[in-house]
Amino acid sequence: MSKKRNRIFINNLSKIIAIISFVIFFIFSYYIFKLNMLPSKYVLIFFFSFILLYSFFTLLSFINKVKKKIKIINMVILTLFSIVFGFGIFYIDKTINFVDKISEETSQNKEYYISVLINSSIKEIKDLKNKKIGLYNSGSQKNSLKATEKLTKTISFQTTKYEDVIEMFESLNNNEIDAVLIDNTIINLLESELNYLNVSLKKIFTFSINIETEDIVKVVDVTTTPFNIYVSGGDAYGSIDRVTNTDVNIVVSVNPKTQQILITSIPRDYYVNLIGLEDTNAMDKLTHAGYYGIETSVKTVEKLLDTEINYYVKINFSTIENLVNAIGGINVYSDFAFTASDHIHTYNYGNNYLDGAAALMFARERKSFSNGDIQRVKNQQKVIKEIINKITSSTVLISKYTTLLDSMSNYFQTNLDSKSVSRLVKFQLNKMYSWQISNQTLIGTDLYTYTYSFPSMELYVMKPNNEVVEEAQHKIKEFLAN
């Protein structure tokens, strides 16, 4: 190739690279404005600087008489810009999709299972045609009826209703019925308070019904007005749209004016009045509120703490396990040496390195401690704190950013709208505040009593300490008023 042709080729290539690089920068700029999380002062400085740089490098690209070496250096710089901004577009698009996904309105689905004794000859749902299926007739009658009606579209069967869940399983053991229609609440009961029955089941059919949702959001300007977020931790793996009991019940009070956060933890077995159900005096464990929908949990916590919940966040077992694994595990200090109830995970007194499964079990365990739920709440707070520390005080957020988003996208849900999320992030980046975090935990006394969900049997609950509850109410009110 002659020198003249070579120069023409370099000049043309330089112009093409300049045009492509500018287009990529333009697309990146669009995504920055669409994200709307960066403070305006930083955005203006950034764009003013790069517009000047692009003007200079583009000018070099289009002046044919510039030396070959300078042209090549110019092309290399523009190519590097293109690569950097290209990755920027990818990360920003990922962030926008994540925020939109966790904030979008999703349905609530309650799963039901047709189960038979483990040694039963019945293997498929079709084998139950015209046979007897037991149904525990308590709790939300509306949901039970909905589930029964949906099942009739699959097979024809006879329904035997029970007011006593123990009687239902005794009938199953005695072959008076062929199967049972149950949900996760009853399965959890079989594995805990009713484990003495030694009922071993196998699921032969699973289906879900849609739970009616209610708009309970109370929108505020999150950058100027104090607000409460209820964190609901479901006791199940899988999709976040599943309606489950709640292992974690935390109210996070945020005051953007004073840069303070107050975390109020409520034991899962707290004996409270479930608000919004058919029965206006539905005394039950707080954990059971989650199985009637997130709205029931929110209203119940509002009544208990005498405060307004603005937003909620839903997480579950998969959220914690996937998140901890995504950040490479966490180090947690244990106040006791113990082996968890699963007989798999063992923890030493002092520091413990935990992967996702171990961290989840550490946060769930209560039977190993004399103060049961109180210690579990403390351990939950430790896990949350260490996750935050790992993400914010290391290179994890940068090096594993997309992995973090992927790990939570299907297991995290909130009714905090995407615009408020963006405003909150922009607010923090603009001021770079150091937030002061404080905790309080509700306590009570052990009690065995009847509950709304299982009125025929006594279950363990925690009777609230009214003085502690009133003190927590006062502290939240004072916190939000500052």
Protein backbone atom coordinates (compact mmCIF):
# COMPACT_ATOMS: atom_id res chain seq x y z
CA MET A 1 0.00 0.00 0.00
CA SER A 2 1.42 3.41 -1.01
CA LYS A 3 2.01 6.10 1.60
CA LYS A 4 -0.77 8.19 0.09
CA ARG A 5 -3.28 5.34 0.21
CA ASN A 6 -2.15 4.48 3.72
CA ARG A 7 -2.72 8.06 4.87
CA ILE A 8 -6.17 8.11 3.24
CA PHE A 9 -7.02 4.83 5.01
CA ILE A 10 -5.83 6.20 8.41
CA ASN A 11 -7.77 9.44 7.91
CA ASN A 12 -10.99 7.62 6.98
CA LEU A 13 -10.62 5.10 9.82
CA SER A 14 -10.01 7.93 12.27
CA LYS A 15 -13.22 9.65 11.18
CA ILE A 16 -15.25 6.42 11.45
CA ILE A 17 -13.91 5.71 14.96
CA ALA A 18 -14.65 9.30 16.00
CA ILE A 19 -18.25 9.04 14.76
CA ILE A 20 -18.82 5.64 16.42
CA SER A 21 -17.27 6.84 19.68
CA PHE A 22 -19.44 9.95 19.71
CA VAL A 23 -22.60 7.89 19.06
CA ILE A 24 -21.70 5.59 21.98
CA PHE A 25 -21.09 8.63 24.19
CA PHE A 26 -24.44 10.08 23.12
CA ILE A 27 -26.22 6.81 24.03
CA PHE A 28 -24.36 6.71 27.36
CA SER A 29 -25.49 10.28 28.05
CA TYR A 30 -29.09 9.30 27.37
CA TYR A 31 -28.83 6.42 29.86
CA ILE A 32 -27.28 8.69 32.50
CA PHE A 33 -30.27 11.05 32.24
CA LYS A 34 -32.70 8.10 32.19
CA LEU A 35 -31.12 6.64 35.35
CA ASN A 36 -31.46 10.00 37.09
CA MET A 37 -29.45 8.93 40.14
CA LEU A 38 -26.36 11.12 39.81
CA PRO A 39 -26.34 14.62 41.33
CA SER A 40 -26.70 17.38 38.75
CA LYS A 41 -23.41 19.06 39.69
CA TYR A 42 -21.46 15.88 38.92
CA VAL A 43 -23.37 15.26 35.70
CA LEU A 44 -22.70 18.81 34.46
CA ILE A 45 -18.99 18.62 35.27
CA PHE A 46 -18.73 15.22 33.60
CA PHE A 47 -20.51 16.23 30.39
CA PHE A 48 -18.80 19.61 30.08
CA SER A 49 -15.40 17.92 30.43
CA PHE A 50 -16.09 15.16 27.93
CA ILE A 51 -17.73 17.44 25.39
CA LEU A 52 -14.52 19.48 25.39
CA LEU A 53 -12.43 16.31 25.06
CA TYR A 54 -14.61 14.96 22.25
CA SER A 55 -14.49 18.29 20.44
CA PHE A 56 -10.70 18.18 20.55
CA PHE A 57 -10.32 14.51 19.54
CA THR A 58 -12.97 14.78 16.83
CA LEU A 59 -11.21 17.82 15.41
CA LEU A 60 -7.98 15.80 15.22
CA SER A 61 -9.86 12.97 13.50
CA PHE A 62 -11.20 15.21 10.76
CA ILE A 63 -8.05 17.22 10.03
CA ASN A 64 -6.25 15.26 7.33
CA LYS A 65 -2.87 16.94 7.77
CA VAL A 66 -2.37 15.74 11.35
CA LYS A 67 0.63 13.45 11.72
CA LYS A 68 0.08 9.70 11.47
CA LYS A 69 1.35 8.98 15.01
CA ILE A 70 -1.01 11.53 16.51
CA LYS A 71 -3.87 10.09 14.45
CA ILE A 72 -3.17 6.59 15.78
CA ILE A 73 -2.92 7.81 19.40
CA ASN A 74 -6.16 9.72 18.86
CA MET A 75 -7.90 6.57 17.56
CA VAL A 76 -6.65 4.52 20.53
CA ILE A 77 -8.01 7.10 23.01
CA LEU A 78 -11.40 7.26 21.26
CA THR A 79 -11.55 3.45 21.16
CA LEU A 80 -10.88 3.29 24.91
CA PHE A 81 -13.62 5.87 25.47
CA SER A 82 -15.99 3.71 23.43
CA ILE A 83 -15.17 0.60 25.47
CA VAL A 84 -15.59 2.43 28.80
CA PHE A 85 -18.88 4.06 27.79
CA GLY A 86 -20.07 0.79 26.26
CA PHE A 87 -19.60 -0.97 29.59
CA GLY A 88 -21.27 2.02 31.25
CA ILE A 89 -24.35 1.58 29.07
CA PHE A 90 -24.49 -2.11 30.01
CA TYR A 91 -24.25 -1.43 33.76
CA ILE A 92 -26.74 1.45 33.72
CA ASP A 93 -29.24 -0.54 31.65
CA LYS A 94 -28.87 -3.40 34.15
CA THR A 95 -29.51 -1.00 37.03
CA ILE A 96 -32.58 0.56 35.41
CA ASN A 97 -34.09 -2.85 34.66
CA PHE A 98 -33.40 -4.02 38.21
CA VAL A 99 -35.05 -0.98 39.84
CA ASP A 100 -38.04 -1.22 37.49
CA LYS A 101 -38.42 -4.94 38.17
CA ILE A 102 -38.34 -4.78 41.97
CA SER A 103 -40.73 -1.81 41.96
CA GLU A 104 -43.26 -3.15 39.49
CA GLU A 105 -46.64 -4.22 40.72
CA THR A 106 -46.68 -8.01 41.04
CA SER A 107 -49.33 -10.48 42.05
CA GLN A 108 -49.38 -12.42 45.30
CA ASN A 109 -49.75 -16.15 44.88
CA LYS A 110 -50.61 -18.63 47.60
CA GLU A 111 -49.46 -22.20 46.96
CA TYR A 112 -51.49 -25.26 47.88
CA TYR A 113 -50.44 -28.88 47.84
CA ILE A 114 -52.34 -32.12 47.47
CA SER A 115 -50.45 -34.52 49.72
CA VAL A 116 -50.86 -38.17 50.60
CA LEU A 117 -49.13 -40.47 53.07
CA ILE A 118 -45.65 -41.35 51.93
CA ASN A 119 -46.51 -45.05 51.61
CA SER A 120 -49.75 -44.41 49.74
CA SER A 121 -50.31 -46.12 46.39
CA ILE A 122 -51.66 -42.83 45.03
CA LYS A 123 -49.02 -41.26 42.81
CA GLU A 124 -50.79 -38.74 40.58
CA ILE A 125 -53.63 -36.29 40.94
CA LYS A 126 -55.78 -38.34 38.54
CA ASP A 127 -55.65 -41.23 41.04
CA LEU A 128 -57.76 -39.13 43.43
CA LYS A 129 -60.77 -38.92 41.14
CA ASN A 130 -63.98 -39.18 43.24
CA LYS A 131 -61.92 -39.87 46.39
CA LYS A 132 -61.96 -37.98 49.70
CA ILE A 133 -59.70 -34.98 50.21
CA GLY A 134 -59.40 -33.40 53.65
CA LEU A 135 -59.53 -29.61 53.99
CA TYR A 136 -58.63 -27.67 57.12
CA ASN A 137 -61.47 -25.18 57.46
CA SER A 138 -59.87 -22.23 59.27
CA GLY A 139 -58.07 -18.98 58.65
CA SER A 140 -59.02 -17.28 55.40
CA GLN A 141 -62.23 -18.97 54.24
CA LYS A 142 -62.10 -16.97 51.02
CA ASN A 143 -58.74 -18.44 50.01
CA SER A 144 -59.74 -22.00 50.96
CA LEU A 145 -62.89 -21.73 48.86
CA LYS A 146 -60.90 -20.31 45.95
CA ALA A 147 -58.40 -23.17 46.16
CA THR A 148 -61.15 -25.81 46.29
CA GLU A 149 -62.94 -24.30 43.29
CA LYS A 150 -59.71 -24.26 41.27
CA LEU A 151 -58.97 -27.89 42.14
CA THR A 152 -62.42 -28.98 40.94
CA LYS A 153 -61.41 -27.85 37.46
CA THR A 154 -58.67 -30.50 37.52
CA ILE A 155 -60.50 -33.48 39.09
CA SER A 156 -63.81 -34.35 40.72
CA PHE A 157 -63.49 -35.25 44.40
CA GLN A 158 -65.28 -35.33 47.74
CA THR A 159 -64.40 -32.70 50.32
CA THR A 160 -64.21 -33.48 54.02
CA LYS A 161 -63.82 -30.33 56.12
CA TYR A 162 -62.11 -30.23 59.50
CA GLU A 163 -62.10 -27.60 62.22
CA ASP A 164 -59.20 -29.38 63.94
CA VAL A 165 -55.99 -29.88 61.95
CA ILE A 166 -54.89 -32.76 64.23
CA GLU A 167 -58.15 -34.57 63.57
CA MET A 168 -57.57 -34.17 59.83
CA PHE A 169 -54.17 -35.88 59.98
CA GLU A 170 -55.53 -38.61 62.25
CA SER A 171 -58.21 -39.26 59.64
CA LEU A 172 -55.50 -39.46 56.98
CA ASN A 173 -53.53 -41.95 59.07
CA ASN A 174 -56.70 -44.02 59.62
CA ASN A 175 -57.46 -44.03 55.85
CA GLU A 176 -60.75 -42.20 56.43
CA ILE A 177 -59.61 -39.72 53.78
CA ASP A 178 -57.25 -40.30 50.87
CA ALA A 179 -55.39 -36.98 50.72
CA VAL A 180 -55.20 -33.51 52.24
CA LEU A 181 -55.28 -30.04 50.70
CA ILE A 182 -52.71 -28.01 52.67
CA ASP A 183 -50.51 -24.94 52.45
CA ASN A 184 -47.07 -23.99 53.76
CA THR A 185 -48.41 -22.92 57.14
CA ILE A 186 -49.64 -26.44 57.86
CA ILE A 187 -46.43 -27.98 56.50
CA ASN A 188 -44.41 -25.78 58.86
CA LEU A 189 -46.70 -26.82 61.71
CA LEU A 190 -46.11 -30.50 60.93
CA GLU A 191 -42.38 -29.93 61.10
CA SER A 192 -42.57 -28.09 64.45
CA GLU A 193 -45.45 -28.28 66.96
CA LEU A 194 -47.03 -31.35 65.32
CA ASN A 195 -43.87 -33.35 64.66
CA TYR A 196 -44.94 -35.78 67.38
CA LEU A 197 -47.65 -37.04 65.01
CA ASN A 198 -44.90 -38.50 62.81
CA VAL A 199 -46.91 -37.78 59.66
CA SER A 200 -44.79 -38.30 56.54
CA LEU A 201 -46.32 -36.87 53.39
CA LYS A 202 -45.53 -36.74 49.71
CA LYS A 203 -46.79 -33.99 47.41
CA ILE A 204 -48.48 -35.26 44.28
CA PHE A 205 -49.91 -31.98 42.99
CA THR A 206 -49.11 -28.29 43.47
CA PHE A 207 -51.12 -25.28 42.36
CA SER A 208 -51.54 -21.67 43.38
CA ILE A 209 -54.29 -19.10 43.67
CA ASN A 210 -54.01 -15.36 43.27
CA ILE A 211 -54.48 -13.25 46.40
CA GLU A 212 -56.21 -9.92 45.93
CA THR A 213 -53.82 -7.01 46.36
CA GLU A 214 -54.49 -3.63 47.89
CA ASP A 215 -52.62 -0.38 47.31
CA ILE A 216 -51.23 0.43 50.76
CA VAL A 217 -48.36 2.71 49.75
CA LYS A 218 -48.19 6.10 51.49
CA VAL A 219 -45.95 8.20 49.26
CA VAL A 220 -43.67 10.87 50.72
CA ASP A 221 -40.70 12.83 49.47
CA VAL A 222 -38.00 10.42 50.69
CA THR A 223 -35.32 13.12 50.55
CA THR A 224 -37.06 15.55 52.94
CA THR A 225 -39.68 13.61 54.93
CA PRO A 226 -39.05 10.86 57.52
CA PHE A 227 -40.64 7.54 56.55
CA ASN A 228 -41.06 3.90 57.61
CA ILE A 229 -40.25 0.80 55.57
CA TYR A 230 -41.53 -2.60 56.69
CA VAL A 231 -39.14 -5.45 55.84
CA SER A 232 -40.92 -8.77 55.47
CA GLY A 233 -38.74 -11.88 55.33
CA GLY A 234 -40.69 -14.84 53.97
CA ASP A 235 -39.92 -18.36 55.21
CA ALA A 236 -39.63 -19.98 51.79
CA TYR A 237 -37.35 -20.29 48.78
CA GLY A 238 -38.20 -19.33 45.21
CA SER A 239 -40.21 -16.55 43.62
CA ILE A 240 -40.89 -13.49 45.74
CA ASP A 241 -44.55 -13.36 44.68
CA ARG A 242 -45.33 -16.38 46.88
CA VAL A 243 -47.41 -15.67 49.97
CA THR A 244 -45.62 -17.15 53.01
CA ASN A 245 -45.22 -16.83 56.75
CA THR A 246 -42.74 -14.15 57.79
CA ASP A 247 -39.57 -15.15 59.63
CA VAL A 248 -38.33 -11.56 59.68
CA ASN A 249 -40.42 -8.56 60.71
CA ILE A 250 -38.47 -5.31 60.82
CA VAL A 251 -39.50 -1.67 60.60
CA VAL A 252 -36.77 0.60 59.26
CA SER A 253 -37.45 4.24 60.14
CA VAL A 254 -35.46 6.65 57.97
CA ASN A 255 -35.02 10.33 58.75
CA PRO A 256 -33.29 12.10 55.82
CA LYS A 257 -33.27 15.39 57.74
CA THR A 258 -31.10 14.06 60.58
CA GLN A 259 -29.38 11.28 58.59
CA GLN A 260 -30.50 8.67 61.11
CA ILE A 261 -31.96 5.17 60.77
CA LEU A 262 -33.86 3.35 63.50
CA ILE A 263 -34.34 -0.41 63.13
CA THR A 264 -37.20 -1.94 65.12
CA SER A 265 -37.23 -5.75 65.19
CA ILE A 266 -40.37 -7.69 66.10
CA PRO A 267 -40.21 -11.40 67.07
CA ARG A 268 -42.01 -13.65 64.56
CA ASP A 269 -44.15 -15.28 67.27
CA TYR A 270 -45.41 -12.01 68.76
CA TYR A 271 -49.06 -12.49 69.77
CA VAL A 272 -50.97 -9.71 67.99
CA ASN A 273 -54.32 -8.92 66.42
CA LEU A 274 -54.15 -9.54 62.66
CA ILE A 275 -55.73 -6.52 61.00
CA GLY A 276 -57.86 -6.62 57.84
CA LEU A 277 -59.27 -10.15 58.13
CA GLU A 278 -62.88 -11.32 58.39
CA ASP A 279 -62.55 -11.59 62.18
CA THR A 280 -61.83 -8.24 63.83
CA ASN A 281 -60.31 -10.03 66.83
CA ALA A 282 -57.96 -12.38 65.00
CA MET A 283 -55.32 -12.96 67.67
CA ASP A 284 -52.41 -14.86 66.18
CA LYS A 285 -48.65 -15.02 65.72
CA LEU A 286 -47.28 -12.14 63.67
CA THR A 287 -45.58 -14.67 61.38
CA HIS A 288 -49.00 -15.98 60.30
CA ALA A 289 -50.02 -12.51 59.08
CA GLY A 290 -47.79 -12.96 56.06
CA TYR A 291 -49.85 -15.87 54.84
CA TYR A 292 -52.88 -13.64 54.35
CA GLY A 293 -50.89 -11.24 52.17
CA ILE A 294 -48.36 -8.45 52.67
CA GLU A 295 -51.19 -5.99 53.34
CA THR A 296 -52.22 -7.91 56.46
CA SER A 297 -48.65 -7.84 57.78
CA VAL A 298 -48.31 -4.10 57.14
CA LYS A 299 -51.64 -3.21 58.78
CA THR A 300 -50.89 -5.45 61.76
CA VAL A 301 -47.47 -3.86 62.33
CA GLU A 302 -48.97 -0.38 61.94
CA LYS A 303 -51.49 -1.20 64.67
CA LEU A 304 -48.87 -2.76 66.95
CA LEU A 305 -46.41 0.15 66.71
CA ASP A 306 -49.07 2.86 66.32
CA THR A 307 -47.27 4.30 63.32
CA GLU A 308 -47.76 4.61 59.58
CA ILE A 309 -45.85 2.27 57.25
CA ASN A 310 -45.06 4.11 54.02
CA TYR A 311 -43.44 1.30 52.04
CA TYR A 312 -42.59 -2.36 52.30
CA VAL A 313 -39.75 -4.60 51.13
CA LYS A 314 -40.23 -8.33 50.63
CA ILE A 315 -37.36 -10.78 50.78
CA ASN A 316 -37.15 -14.54 51.38
CA PHE A 317 -34.69 -17.36 51.98
CA SER A 318 -33.46 -17.21 48.39
CA THR A 319 -32.73 -13.46 48.72
CA ILE A 320 -30.39 -13.92 51.68
CA GLU A 321 -28.72 -17.10 50.44
CA ASN A 322 -28.08 -15.79 46.92
CA LEU A 323 -26.94 -12.36 48.12
CA VAL A 324 -24.43 -13.72 50.63
CA ASN A 325 -23.04 -16.13 48.03
CA ALA A 326 -22.83 -13.33 45.47
CA ILE A 327 -20.62 -11.21 47.74
CA GLY A 328 -18.37 -14.15 48.63
CA GLY A 329 -19.71 -14.87 52.12
CA ILE A 330 -19.65 -12.85 55.34
CA ASN A 331 -17.93 -12.95 58.72
CA VAL A 332 -20.36 -12.95 61.65
CA TYR A 333 -19.70 -12.90 65.39
CA SER A 334 -21.73 -15.48 67.30
CA ASP A 335 -22.53 -14.94 70.97
CA PHE A 336 -22.78 -18.72 71.46
CA ALA A 337 -21.34 -21.97 70.14
CA PHE A 338 -24.25 -24.04 68.80
CA THR A 339 -25.45 -26.51 66.19
CA ALA A 340 -28.51 -25.40 64.25
CA SER A 341 -31.76 -27.36 64.25
CA ASP A 342 -30.99 -28.73 60.78
CA HIS A 343 -28.09 -30.70 62.42
CA ILE A 344 -25.87 -29.58 59.54
CA HIS A 345 -24.58 -26.13 60.37
CA THR A 346 -22.34 -25.64 63.42
CA TYR A 347 -21.20 -22.25 64.70
CA ASN A 348 -18.30 -21.35 66.99
CA TYR A 349 -18.34 -18.77 69.73
CA GLY A 350 -16.78 -15.68 68.16
CA ASN A 351 -16.13 -15.02 64.48
CA ASN A 352 -17.54 -17.38 61.84
CA TYR A 353 -17.16 -17.27 58.06
CA LEU A 354 -20.58 -18.03 56.56
CA ASP A 355 -21.70 -18.84 53.03
CA GLY A 356 -25.29 -18.23 51.94
CA ALA A 357 -26.83 -21.39 53.45
CA ALA A 358 -24.94 -20.99 56.74
CA ALA A 359 -25.85 -17.29 57.02
CA LEU A 360 -29.51 -18.08 56.42
CA MET A 361 -29.56 -20.80 59.08
CA PHE A 362 -27.70 -18.52 61.53
CA ALA A 363 -30.43 -15.89 61.05
CA ARG A 364 -33.25 -18.45 61.41
CA GLU A 365 -32.13 -20.47 64.42
CA ARG A 366 -33.95 -19.98 67.73
CA LYS A 367 -34.28 -23.37 69.44
CA SER A 368 -30.59 -23.42 70.42
CA PHE A 369 -30.98 -20.37 72.66
CA SER A 370 -32.61 -19.94 76.05
CA ASN A 371 -34.05 -16.59 74.92
CA GLY A 372 -35.22 -18.09 71.60
CA ASP A 373 -36.71 -15.45 69.33
CA ILE A 374 -34.86 -12.59 71.01
CA GLN A 375 -31.48 -14.08 70.09
CA ARG A 376 -32.72 -14.90 66.61
CA VAL A 377 -33.63 -11.23 66.09
CA LYS A 378 -30.13 -10.22 67.26
CA ASN A 379 -28.56 -12.69 64.84
CA GLN A 380 -30.72 -11.39 61.99
CA GLN A 381 -29.49 -7.88 62.71
CA LYS A 382 -25.88 -9.15 62.68
CA VAL A 383 -26.32 -10.81 59.28
CA ILE A 384 -27.91 -7.68 57.81
CA LYS A 385 -25.16 -5.47 59.24
CA GLU A 386 -22.36 -7.69 57.87
CA ILE A 387 -23.95 -7.82 54.42
CA ILE A 388 -24.09 -4.01 54.36
CA ASN A 389 -20.50 -3.75 55.61
CA LYS A 390 -19.23 -6.22 53.00
CA ILE A 391 -20.95 -4.39 50.15
CA THR A 392 -20.08 -0.83 51.21
CA SER A 393 -16.58 -1.20 52.65
CA SER A 394 -14.85 -3.22 49.93
CA THR A 395 -14.55 -3.55 46.16
CA VAL A 396 -17.46 -6.02 46.12
CA LEU A 397 -19.98 -3.48 44.83
CA ILE A 398 -17.79 -2.73 41.79
CA SER A 399 -16.34 -6.17 41.08
CA LYS A 400 -19.58 -8.10 41.57
CA TYR A 401 -22.14 -5.47 40.65
CA THR A 402 -24.02 -7.43 37.98
CA THR A 403 -23.81 -10.63 40.05
CA LEU A 404 -25.42 -8.79 42.96
CA LEU A 405 -28.27 -7.51 40.81
CA ASP A 406 -28.84 -10.94 39.25
CA SER A 407 -28.83 -12.60 42.67
CA MET A 408 -31.71 -10.40 43.88
CA SER A 409 -33.78 -9.53 40.82
CA ASN A 410 -36.26 -12.41 41.26
CA TYR A 411 -36.15 -12.43 45.05
CA PHE A 412 -36.70 -8.82 46.04
CA GLN A 413 -39.85 -6.74 45.83
CA THR A 414 -40.90 -3.31 47.06
CA ASN A 415 -43.72 -0.83 46.58
CA LEU A 416 -41.19 2.02 46.76
CA ASP A 417 -41.50 3.40 43.24
CA SER A 418 -38.48 3.63 40.96
CA LYS A 419 -38.52 7.44 40.98
CA SER A 420 -38.26 7.49 44.78
CA VAL A 421 -35.41 4.96 44.64
CA SER A 422 -33.57 7.21 42.17
CA ARG A 423 -34.18 10.30 44.28
CA LEU A 424 -32.91 8.58 47.41
CA VAL A 425 -29.71 7.43 45.67
CA LYS A 426 -29.15 10.87 44.16
CA PHE A 427 -29.75 12.47 47.57
CA GLN A 428 -27.10 10.27 49.19
CA LEU A 429 -24.55 10.72 46.38
CA ASN A 430 -25.06 14.47 46.46
CA LYS A 431 -24.60 14.86 50.22
CA MET A 432 -22.49 11.76 50.98
CA TYR A 433 -23.96 11.60 54.47
CA SER A 434 -22.70 9.19 57.11
CA TRP A 435 -25.87 7.66 58.54
CA GLN A 436 -26.24 6.89 62.23
CA ILE A 437 -27.97 3.55 62.82
CA SER A 438 -29.67 2.50 66.06
CA ASN A 439 -31.69 -0.60 66.99
CA GLN A 440 -34.51 -1.61 69.26
CA THR A 441 -36.11 -5.02 69.76
CA LEU A 442 -39.54 -5.85 71.13
CA ILE A 443 -39.61 -8.53 73.80
CA GLY A 444 -42.23 -10.54 75.66
CA THR A 445 -42.94 -13.69 77.63
CA ASP A 446 -43.48 -17.29 76.52
CA LEU A 447 -47.06 -18.45 76.27
CA TYR A 448 -49.05 -21.35 74.83
CA THR A 449 -52.46 -20.38 73.58
CA TYR A 450 -55.00 -20.72 70.76
CA THR A 451 -54.56 -18.71 67.56
CA TYR A 452 -56.78 -17.45 64.79
CA SER A 453 -55.16 -19.72 62.20
CA PHE A 454 -55.28 -22.83 64.42
CA PRO A 455 -58.05 -22.27 67.00
CA SER A 456 -58.30 -25.94 68.02
CA MET A 457 -54.76 -26.33 69.39
CA GLU A 458 -52.42 -24.44 71.67
CA LEU A 459 -49.31 -23.07 69.99
CA TYR A 460 -46.26 -21.29 71.30
CA VAL A 461 -46.49 -17.50 71.06
CA MET A 462 -44.71 -14.57 72.65
CA LYS A 463 -46.97 -12.35 74.72
CA PRO A 464 -45.93 -8.72 74.11
CA ASN A 465 -44.38 -6.70 76.91
CA ASN A 466 -46.70 -3.68 76.83
CA GLU A 467 -44.17 -1.34 78.43
CA VAL A 468 -41.54 -2.22 75.82
CA VAL A 469 -44.10 -1.82 73.00
CA GLU A 470 -45.15 1.61 74.28
CA GLU A 471 -41.52 2.65 74.62
CA ALA A 472 -40.87 1.54 71.00
CA GLN A 473 -43.94 3.45 69.81
CA HIS A 474 -42.74 6.59 71.56
CA LYS A 475 -39.21 6.23 70.19
CA ILE A 476 -40.47 5.87 66.60
CA LYS A 477 -42.80 8.88 66.94
CA GLU A 478 -39.99 10.99 68.40
CA PHE A 479 -37.60 9.78 65.70
CA LEU A 480 -39.96 10.68 62.84
CA ALA A 481 -40.85 14.06 64.39
CA ASN A 482 -37.28 15.39 64.47
